[in-house]
Amino acid sequence: MRSINGLLREKILALDSSQLRSEFFRPDEGMKIYHIGRGVVMDLAEEAGALYKINRSCVISKRLFDENLEKYKVKREEATNEGSK
């Protein structure tokens, strides 16, 4: 029976570079994409269940990360109320 890391490694190696870029990103790339710190990227990725660690490297599932990030979206009326205080 293969380990989860082994299965994930096989999946990642099977992807071509364009698919890999669209499905996963590294924490340092997440800092540039989302304009937030590395610790915040890692915390949000863990919270979303989107963080995959392979040996000493880690990648983050963009789909899972983005789905989780939606819950932090500020609704228009909340943003308006904050501005009037």
PDB file of N, CA and C in Angstrom:
ATOM      1  N   MET A   1       0.846  -1.186   0.000  1.00  0.00           N
ATOM      2  CA  MET A   1       0.000   0.000   0.000  1.00  0.00           C
ATOM      3  C   MET A   1       0.888   1.245   0.000  1.00  0.00           C
ATOM      4  N   ARG A   2       0.587   2.164  -0.880  1.00  0.00           N
ATOM      5  CA  ARG A   2       1.375   3.392  -0.985  1.00  0.00           C
ATOM      6  C   ARG A   2       0.921   4.426   0.032  1.00  0.00           C
ATOM      7  N   SER A   3       1.855   5.244   0.465  1.00  0.00           N
ATOM      8  CA  SER A   3       1.520   6.293   1.428  1.00  0.00           C
ATOM      9  C   SER A   3       0.842   7.452   0.709  1.00  0.00           C
ATOM     10  N   ILE A   4       0.231   8.315   1.484  1.00  0.00           N
ATOM     11  CA  ILE A   4      -0.421   9.494   0.909  1.00  0.00           C
ATOM     12  C   ILE A   4       0.610  10.366   0.212  1.00  0.00           C
ATOM     13  N   ASN A   5       1.791  10.548   0.830  1.00  0.00           N
ATOM     14  CA  ASN A   5       2.839  11.341   0.183  1.00  0.00           C
ATOM     15  C   ASN A   5       3.241  10.736  -1.149  1.00  0.00           C
ATOM     16  N   GLY A   6       3.329   9.401  -1.211  1.00  0.00           N
ATOM     17  CA  GLY A   6       3.682   8.731  -2.459  1.00  0.00           C
ATOM     18  C   GLY A   6       2.639   8.958  -3.532  1.00  0.00           C
ATOM     19  N   LEU A   7       1.374   8.872  -3.156  1.00  0.00           N
ATOM     20  CA  LEU A   7       0.283   9.097  -4.109  1.00  0.00           C
ATOM     21  C   LEU A   7       0.271  10.540  -4.604  1.00  0.00           C
ATOM     22  N   LEU A   8       0.473  11.475  -3.679  1.00  0.00           N
ATOM     23  CA  LEU A   8       0.502  12.888  -4.067  1.00  0.00           C
ATOM     24  C   LEU A   8       1.688  13.163  -4.977  1.00  0.00           C
ATOM     25  N   ARG A   9       2.844  12.596  -4.637  1.00  0.00           N
ATOM     26  CA  ARG A   9       4.041  12.778  -5.469  1.00  0.00           C
ATOM     27  C   ARG A   9       3.785  12.276  -6.886  1.00  0.00           C
ATOM     28  N   GLU A  10       3.142  11.111  -7.015  1.00  0.00           N
ATOM     29  CA  GLU A  10       2.820  10.570  -8.342  1.00  0.00           C
ATOM     30  C   GLU A  10       1.879  11.501  -9.095  1.00  0.00           C
ATOM     31  N   LYS A  11       0.889  12.032  -8.401  1.00  0.00           N
ATOM     32  CA  LYS A  11      -0.065  12.943  -9.047  1.00  0.00           C
ATOM     33  C   LYS A  11       0.646  14.207  -9.541  1.00  0.00           C
ATOM     34  N   ILE A  12       1.510  14.765  -8.704  1.00  0.00           N
ATOM     35  CA  ILE A  12       2.216  15.996  -9.075  1.00  0.00           C
ATOM     36  C   ILE A  12       3.163  15.739 -10.235  1.00  0.00           C
ATOM     37  N   LEU A  13       3.882  14.621 -10.199  1.00  0.00           N
ATOM     38  CA  LEU A  13       4.825  14.306 -11.278  1.00  0.00           C
ATOM     39  C   LEU A  13       4.113  14.029 -12.591  1.00  0.00           C
ATOM     40  N   ALA A  14       2.867  13.557 -12.530  1.00  0.00           N
ATOM     41  CA  ALA A  14       2.101  13.266 -13.738  1.00  0.00           C
ATOM     42  C   ALA A  14       1.590  14.532 -14.426  1.00  0.00           C
ATOM     43  N   LEU A  15       1.534  15.639 -13.706  1.00  0.00           N
ATOM     44  CA  LEU A  15       1.046  16.894 -14.273  1.00  0.00           C
ATOM     45  C   LEU A  15       2.144  17.566 -15.083  1.00  0.00           C
ATOM     46  N   ASP A  16       1.758  18.203 -16.183  1.00  0.00           N
ATOM     47  CA  ASP A  16       2.757  19.017 -16.874  1.00  0.00           C
ATOM     48  C   ASP A  16       2.859  20.356 -16.150  1.00  0.00           C
ATOM     49  N   SER A  17       3.846  21.160 -16.510  1.00  0.00           N
ATOM     50  CA  SER A  17       4.127  22.382 -15.744  1.00  0.00           C
ATOM     51  C   SER A  17       2.959  23.357 -15.739  1.00  0.00           C
ATOM     52  N   SER A  18       2.197  23.457 -16.825  1.00  0.00           N
ATOM     53  CA  SER A  18       1.066  24.394 -16.840  1.00  0.00           C
ATOM     54  C   SER A  18      -0.042  23.911 -15.908  1.00  0.00           C
ATOM     55  N   GLN A  19      -0.287  22.595 -15.855  1.00  0.00           N
ATOM     56  CA  GLN A  19      -1.291  22.059 -14.930  1.00  0.00           C
ATOM     57  C   GLN A  19      -0.832  22.236 -13.492  1.00  0.00           C
ATOM     58  N   LEU A  20       0.454  22.007 -13.253  1.00  0.00           N
ATOM     59  CA  LEU A  20       0.991  22.143 -11.911  1.00  0.00           C
ATOM     60  C   LEU A  20       0.813  23.571 -11.417  1.00  0.00           C
ATOM     61  N   ARG A  21       1.082  24.544 -12.261  1.00  0.00           N
ATOM     62  CA  ARG A  21       0.930  25.953 -11.874  1.00  0.00           C
ATOM     63  C   ARG A  21      -0.514  26.308 -11.611  1.00  0.00           C
ATOM     64  N   SER A  22      -1.456  25.667 -12.325  1.00  0.00           N
ATOM     65  CA  SER A  22      -2.854  26.022 -12.127  1.00  0.00           C
ATOM     66  C   SER A  22      -3.468  25.294 -10.921  1.00  0.00           C
ATOM     67  N   GLU A  23      -2.899  24.150 -10.509  1.00  0.00           N
ATOM     68  CA  GLU A  23      -3.479  23.385  -9.416  1.00  0.00           C
ATOM     69  C   GLU A  23      -2.797  23.605  -8.074  1.00  0.00           C
ATOM     70  N   PHE A  24      -1.495  23.855  -8.069  1.00  0.00           N
ATOM     71  CA  PHE A  24      -0.740  23.986  -6.832  1.00  0.00           C
ATOM     72  C   PHE A  24       0.179  25.197  -6.878  1.00  0.00           C
ATOM     73  N   PHE A  25       0.494  25.724  -5.711  1.00  0.00           N
ATOM     74  CA  PHE A  25       1.515  26.774  -5.625  1.00  0.00           C
ATOM     75  C   PHE A  25       2.307  26.554  -4.352  1.00  0.00           C
ATOM     76  N   ARG A  26       3.488  27.126  -4.303  1.00  0.00           N
ATOM     77  CA  ARG A  26       4.340  27.044  -3.124  1.00  0.00           C
ATOM     78  C   ARG A  26       4.028  28.240  -2.219  1.00  0.00           C
ATOM     79  N   PRO A  27       4.322  28.128  -0.918  1.00  0.00           N
ATOM     80  CA  PRO A  27       4.002  29.230   0.000  1.00  0.00           C
ATOM     81  C   PRO A  27       4.580  30.585  -0.419  1.00  0.00           C
ATOM     82  N   ASP A  28       5.811  30.602  -0.922  1.00  0.00           N
ATOM     83  CA  ASP A  28       6.399  31.877  -1.345  1.00  0.00           C
ATOM     84  C   ASP A  28       5.672  32.467  -2.553  1.00  0.00           C
ATOM     85  N   GLU A  29       5.154  31.603  -3.437  1.00  0.00           N
ATOM     86  CA  GLU A  29       4.357  32.090  -4.559  1.00  0.00           C
ATOM     87  C   GLU A  29       3.028  32.645  -4.058  1.00  0.00           C
ATOM     88  N   GLY A  30       2.474  32.008  -3.019  1.00  0.00           N
ATOM     89  CA  GLY A  30       1.223  32.482  -2.427  1.00  0.00           C
ATOM     90  C   GLY A  30       1.357  33.881  -1.855  1.00  0.00           C
ATOM     91  N   MET A  31       2.547  34.190  -1.318  1.00  0.00           N
ATOM     92  CA  MET A  31       2.791  35.542  -0.798  1.00  0.00           C
ATOM     93  C   MET A  31       2.630  36.575  -1.910  1.00  0.00           C
ATOM     94  N   LYS A  32       3.131  36.247  -3.093  1.00  0.00           N
ATOM     95  CA  LYS A  32       3.056  37.180  -4.228  1.00  0.00           C
ATOM     96  C   LYS A  32       1.656  37.227  -4.829  1.00  0.00           C
ATOM     97  N   ILE A  33       1.012  36.066  -4.918  1.00  0.00           N
ATOM     98  CA  ILE A  33      -0.321  35.999  -5.520  1.00  0.00           C
ATOM     99  C   ILE A  33      -1.353  36.757  -4.683  1.00  0.00           C
ATOM    100  N   TYR A  34      -1.329  36.518  -3.362  1.00  0.00           N
ATOM    101  CA  TYR A  34      -2.369  37.044  -2.476  1.00  0.00           C
ATOM    102  C   TYR A  34      -1.945  38.274  -1.676  1.00  0.00           C
ATOM    103  N   HIS A  35      -0.678  38.672  -1.793  1.00  0.00           N
ATOM    104  CA  HIS A  35      -0.146  39.856  -1.090  1.00  0.00           C
ATOM    105  C   HIS A  35      -0.343  39.761   0.423  1.00  0.00           C
ATOM    106  N   ILE A  36      -0.018  38.594   0.958  1.00  0.00           N
ATOM    107  CA  ILE A  36      -0.062  38.372   2.404  1.00  0.00           C
ATOM    108  C   ILE A  36       1.222  37.660   2.822  1.00  0.00           C
ATOM    109  N   GLY A  37       1.515  37.654   4.093  1.00  0.00           N
ATOM    110  CA  GLY A  37       2.743  37.059   4.590  1.00  0.00           C
ATOM    111  C   GLY A  37       2.753  35.540   4.512  1.00  0.00           C
ATOM    112  N   ARG A  38       3.955  34.973   4.577  1.00  0.00           N
ATOM    113  CA  ARG A  38       4.127  33.523   4.452  1.00  0.00           C
ATOM    114  C   ARG A  38       3.402  32.781   5.572  1.00  0.00           C
ATOM    115  N   GLY A  39       3.464  33.303   6.782  1.00  0.00           N
ATOM    116  CA  GLY A  39       2.778  32.663   7.900  1.00  0.00           C
ATOM    117  C   GLY A  39       1.274  32.619   7.705  1.00  0.00           C
ATOM    118  N   VAL A  40       0.719  33.690   7.165  1.00  0.00           N
ATOM    119  CA  VAL A  40      -0.723  33.745   6.905  1.00  0.00           C
ATOM    120  C   VAL A  40      -1.088  32.738   5.815  1.00  0.00           C
ATOM    121  N   VAL A  41      -0.268  32.662   4.767  1.00  0.00           N
ATOM    122  CA  VAL A  41      -0.501  31.684   3.696  1.00  0.00           C
ATOM    123  C   VAL A  41      -0.517  30.273   4.283  1.00  0.00           C
ATOM    124  N   MET A  42       0.478  29.967   5.113  1.00  0.00           N
ATOM    125  CA  MET A  42       0.576  28.627   5.703  1.00  0.00           C
ATOM    126  C   MET A  42      -0.615  28.342   6.634  1.00  0.00           C
ATOM    127  N   ASP A  43      -1.002  29.317   7.447  1.00  0.00           N
ATOM    128  CA  ASP A  43      -2.138  29.133   8.359  1.00  0.00           C
ATOM    129  C   ASP A  43      -3.432  28.894   7.589  1.00  0.00           C
ATOM    130  N   LEU A  44      -3.674  29.709   6.555  1.00  0.00           N
ATOM    131  CA  LEU A  44      -4.890  29.549   5.754  1.00  0.00           C
ATOM    132  C   LEU A  44      -4.889  28.222   5.001  1.00  0.00           C
ATOM    133  N   ALA A  45      -3.735  27.815   4.504  1.00  0.00           N
ATOM    134  CA  ALA A  45      -3.631  26.549   3.782  1.00  0.00           C
ATOM    135  C   ALA A  45      -3.925  25.370   4.715  1.00  0.00           C
ATOM    136  N   GLU A  46      -3.385  25.412   5.925  1.00  0.00           N
ATOM    137  CA  GLU A  46      -3.660  24.351   6.900  1.00  0.00           C
ATOM    138  C   GLU A  46      -5.138  24.318   7.265  1.00  0.00           C
ATOM    139  N   GLU A  47      -5.697  25.496   7.485  1.00  0.00           N
ATOM    140  CA  GLU A  47      -7.116  25.599   7.836  1.00  0.00           C
ATOM    141  C   GLU A  47      -7.998  25.014   6.736  1.00  0.00           C
ATOM    142  N   ALA A  48      -7.599  25.223   5.484  1.00  0.00           N
ATOM    143  CA  ALA A  48      -8.378  24.760   4.334  1.00  0.00           C
ATOM    144  C   ALA A  48      -8.143  23.287   4.023  1.00  0.00           C
ATOM    145  N   GLY A  49      -7.147  22.697   4.650  1.00  0.00           N
ATOM    146  CA  GLY A  49      -6.791  21.318   4.301  1.00  0.00           C
ATOM    147  C   GLY A  49      -6.125  21.263   2.937  1.00  0.00           C
ATOM    148  N   ALA A  50      -5.478  22.363   2.555  1.00  0.00           N
ATOM    149  CA  ALA A  50      -4.888  22.488   1.226  1.00  0.00           C
ATOM    150  C   ALA A  50      -3.373  22.326   1.225  1.00  0.00           C
ATOM    151  N   LEU A  51      -2.788  22.089   2.380  1.00  0.00           N
ATOM    152  CA  LEU A  51      -1.335  22.023   2.504  1.00  0.00           C
ATOM    153  C   LEU A  51      -0.869  20.578   2.393  1.00  0.00           C
ATOM    154  N   TYR A  52       0.051  20.335   1.459  1.00  0.00           N
ATOM    155  CA  TYR A  52       0.632  19.018   1.254  1.00  0.00           C
ATOM    156  C   TYR A  52       2.131  19.118   1.495  1.00  0.00           C
ATOM    157  N   LYS A  53       2.637  18.303   2.414  1.00  0.00           N
ATOM    158  CA  LYS A  53       4.065  18.304   2.712  1.00  0.00           C
ATOM    159  C   LYS A  53       4.679  17.029   2.157  1.00  0.00           C
ATOM    160  N   ILE A  54       5.727  17.197   1.368  1.00  0.00           N
ATOM    161  CA  ILE A  54       6.464  16.079   0.796  1.00  0.00           C
ATOM    162  C   ILE A  54       7.908  16.261   1.214  1.00  0.00           C
ATOM    163  N   ASN A  55       8.356  15.390   2.119  1.00  0.00           N
ATOM    164  CA  ASN A  55       9.686  15.542   2.722  1.00  0.00           C
ATOM    165  C   ASN A  55       9.778  16.932   3.334  1.00  0.00           C
ATOM    166  N   ARG A  56      10.689  17.773   2.849  1.00  0.00           N
ATOM    167  CA  ARG A  56      10.829  19.117   3.411  1.00  0.00           C
ATOM    168  C   ARG A  56      10.170  20.185   2.545  1.00  0.00           C
ATOM    169  N   SER A  57       9.532  19.778   1.472  1.00  0.00           N
ATOM    170  CA  SER A  57       8.856  20.721   0.573  1.00  0.00           C
ATOM    171  C   SER A  57       7.361  20.711   0.845  1.00  0.00           C
ATOM    172  N   CYS A  58       6.702  21.792   0.500  1.00  0.00           N
ATOM    173  CA  CYS A  58       5.249  21.792   0.604  1.00  0.00           C
ATOM    174  C   CYS A  58       4.645  22.541  -0.563  1.00  0.00           C
ATOM    175  N   VAL A  59       3.465  22.090  -0.956  1.00  0.00           N
ATOM    176  CA  VAL A  59       2.679  22.746  -1.995  1.00  0.00           C
ATOM    177  C   VAL A  59       1.274  22.932  -1.443  1.00  0.00           C
ATOM    178  N   ILE A  60       0.559  23.862  -2.049  1.00  0.00           N
ATOM    179  CA  ILE A  60      -0.787  24.209  -1.596  1.00  0.00           C
ATOM    180  C   ILE A  60      -1.742  24.064  -2.767  1.00  0.00           C
ATOM    181  N   SER A  61      -2.856  23.394  -2.527  1.00  0.00           N
ATOM    182  CA  SER A  61      -3.885  23.252  -3.551  1.00  0.00           C
ATOM    183  C   SER A  61      -4.589  24.595  -3.724  1.00  0.00           C
ATOM    184  N   LYS A  62      -4.511  25.136  -4.922  1.00  0.00           N
ATOM    185  CA  LYS A  62      -5.110  26.445  -5.193  1.00  0.00           C
ATOM    186  C   LYS A  62      -6.631  26.394  -5.045  1.00  0.00           C
ATOM    187  N   ARG A  63      -7.247  25.316  -5.513  1.00  0.00           N
ATOM    188  CA  ARG A  63      -8.703  25.194  -5.447  1.00  0.00           C
ATOM    189  C   ARG A  63      -9.184  25.193  -3.993  1.00  0.00           C
ATOM    190  N   LEU A  64      -8.579  24.370  -3.153  1.00  0.00           N
ATOM    191  CA  LEU A  64      -8.986  24.309  -1.742  1.00  0.00           C
ATOM    192  C   LEU A  64      -8.698  25.621  -1.012  1.00  0.00           C
ATOM    193  N   PHE A  65      -7.545  26.217  -1.307  1.00  0.00           N
ATOM    194  CA  PHE A  65      -7.169  27.476  -0.675  1.00  0.00           C
ATOM    195  C   PHE A  65      -8.172  28.567  -1.033  1.00  0.00           C
ATOM    196  N   ASP A  66      -8.500  28.682  -2.325  1.00  0.00           N
ATOM    197  CA  ASP A  66      -9.438  29.715  -2.777  1.00  0.00           C
ATOM    198  C   ASP A  66     -10.838  29.516  -2.210  1.00  0.00           C
ATOM    199  N   GLU A  67     -11.285  28.248  -2.127  1.00  0.00           N
ATOM    200  CA  GLU A  67     -12.608  27.974  -1.555  1.00  0.00           C
ATOM    201  C   GLU A  67     -12.669  28.426  -0.096  1.00  0.00           C
ATOM    202  N   ASN A  68     -11.615  28.150   0.652  1.00  0.00           N
ATOM    203  CA  ASN A  68     -11.570  28.551   2.056  1.00  0.00           C
ATOM    204  C   ASN A  68     -11.471  30.070   2.192  1.00  0.00           C
ATOM    205  N   LEU A  69     -10.748  30.711   1.296  1.00  0.00           N
ATOM    206  CA  LEU A  69     -10.550  32.155   1.357  1.00  0.00           C
ATOM    207  C   LEU A  69     -11.864  32.913   1.184  1.00  0.00           C
ATOM    208  N   GLU A  70     -12.818  32.318   0.486  1.00  0.00           N
ATOM    209  CA  GLU A  70     -14.115  32.965   0.252  1.00  0.00           C
ATOM    210  C   GLU A  70     -14.841  33.289   1.552  1.00  0.00           C
ATOM    211  N   LYS A  71     -14.614  32.514   2.598  1.00  0.00           N
ATOM    212  CA  LYS A  71     -15.328  32.785   3.842  1.00  0.00           C
ATOM    213  C   LYS A  71     -14.840  34.061   4.519  1.00  0.00           C
ATOM    214  N   TYR A  72     -13.707  34.599   4.089  1.00  0.00           N
ATOM    215  CA  TYR A  72     -13.184  35.850   4.638  1.00  0.00           C
ATOM    216  C   TYR A  72     -13.598  37.065   3.804  1.00  0.00           C
ATOM    217  N   LYS A  73     -14.348  36.824   2.755  1.00  0.00           N
ATOM    218  CA  LYS A  73     -14.774  37.914   1.880  1.00  0.00           C
ATOM    219  C   LYS A  73     -15.692  38.861   2.648  1.00  0.00           C
ATOM    220  N   VAL A  74     -15.428  40.156   2.527  1.00  0.00           N
ATOM    221  CA  VAL A  74     -16.226  41.167   3.213  1.00  0.00           C
ATOM    222  C   VAL A  74     -17.408  41.522   2.324  1.00  0.00           C
ATOM    223  N   LYS A  75     -18.596  41.416   2.903  1.00  0.00           N
ATOM    224  CA  LYS A  75     -19.792  41.777   2.141  1.00  0.00           C
ATOM    225  C   LYS A  75     -19.847  43.285   1.998  1.00  0.00           C
ATOM    226  N   ARG A  76     -20.466  43.746   0.961  1.00  0.00           N
ATOM    227  CA  ARG A  76     -20.496  45.169   0.641  1.00  0.00           C
ATOM    228  C   ARG A  76     -21.031  46.020   1.793  1.00  0.00           C
ATOM    229  N   GLU A  77     -22.124  45.588   2.406  1.00  0.00           N
ATOM    230  CA  GLU A  77     -22.729  46.374   3.491  1.00  0.00           C
ATOM    231  C   GLU A  77     -21.808  46.416   4.711  1.00  0.00           C
ATOM    232  N   GLU A  78     -21.042  45.340   4.982  1.00  0.00           N
ATOM    233  CA  GLU A  78     -20.092  45.352   6.093  1.00  0.00           C
ATOM    234  C   GLU A  78     -18.976  46.361   5.831  1.00  0.00           C
ATOM    235  N   ALA A  79     -18.500  46.399   4.580  1.00  0.00           N
ATOM    236  CA  ALA A  79     -17.433  47.322   4.233  1.00  0.00           C
ATOM    237  C   ALA A  79     -17.918  48.763   4.349  1.00  0.00           C
ATOM    238  N   THR A  80     -19.160  49.031   3.965  1.00  0.00           N
ATOM    239  CA  THR A  80     -19.729  50.365   4.049  1.00  0.00           C
ATOM    240  C   THR A  80     -19.872  50.787   5.511  1.00  0.00           C
ATOM    241  N   ASN A  81     -20.333  49.894   6.358  1.00  0.00           N
ATOM    242  CA  ASN A  81     -20.506  50.205   7.785  1.00  0.00           C
ATOM    243  C   ASN A  81     -19.160  50.488   8.461  1.00  0.00           C
ATOM    244  N   GLU A  82     -18.125  49.763   8.097  1.00  0.00           N
ATOM    245  CA  GLU A  82     -16.800  49.977   8.680  1.00  0.00           C
ATOM    246  C   GLU A  82     -16.267  51.365   8.301  1.00  0.00           C
ATOM    247  N   GLY A  83     -16.547  51.800   7.088  1.00  0.00           N
ATOM    248  CA  GLY A  83     -16.056  53.087   6.609  1.00  0.00           C
ATOM    249  C   GLY A  83     -16.752  54.270   7.277  1.00  0.00           C
ATOM    250  N   SER A  84     -17.989  54.065   7.763  1.00  0.00           N
ATOM    251  CA  SER A  84     -18.738  55.176   8.360  1.00  0.00           C
ATOM    252  C   SER A  84     -18.480  55.346   9.845  1.00  0.00           C
ATOM    253  N   LYS A  85     -17.752  54.428  10.469  1.00  0.00           N
ATOM    254  CA  LYS A  85     -17.471  54.533  11.914  1.00  0.00           C
ATOM    255  C   LYS A  85     -16.441  55.568  12.221  1.00  0.00           C
TER     256      LYS A  85
END
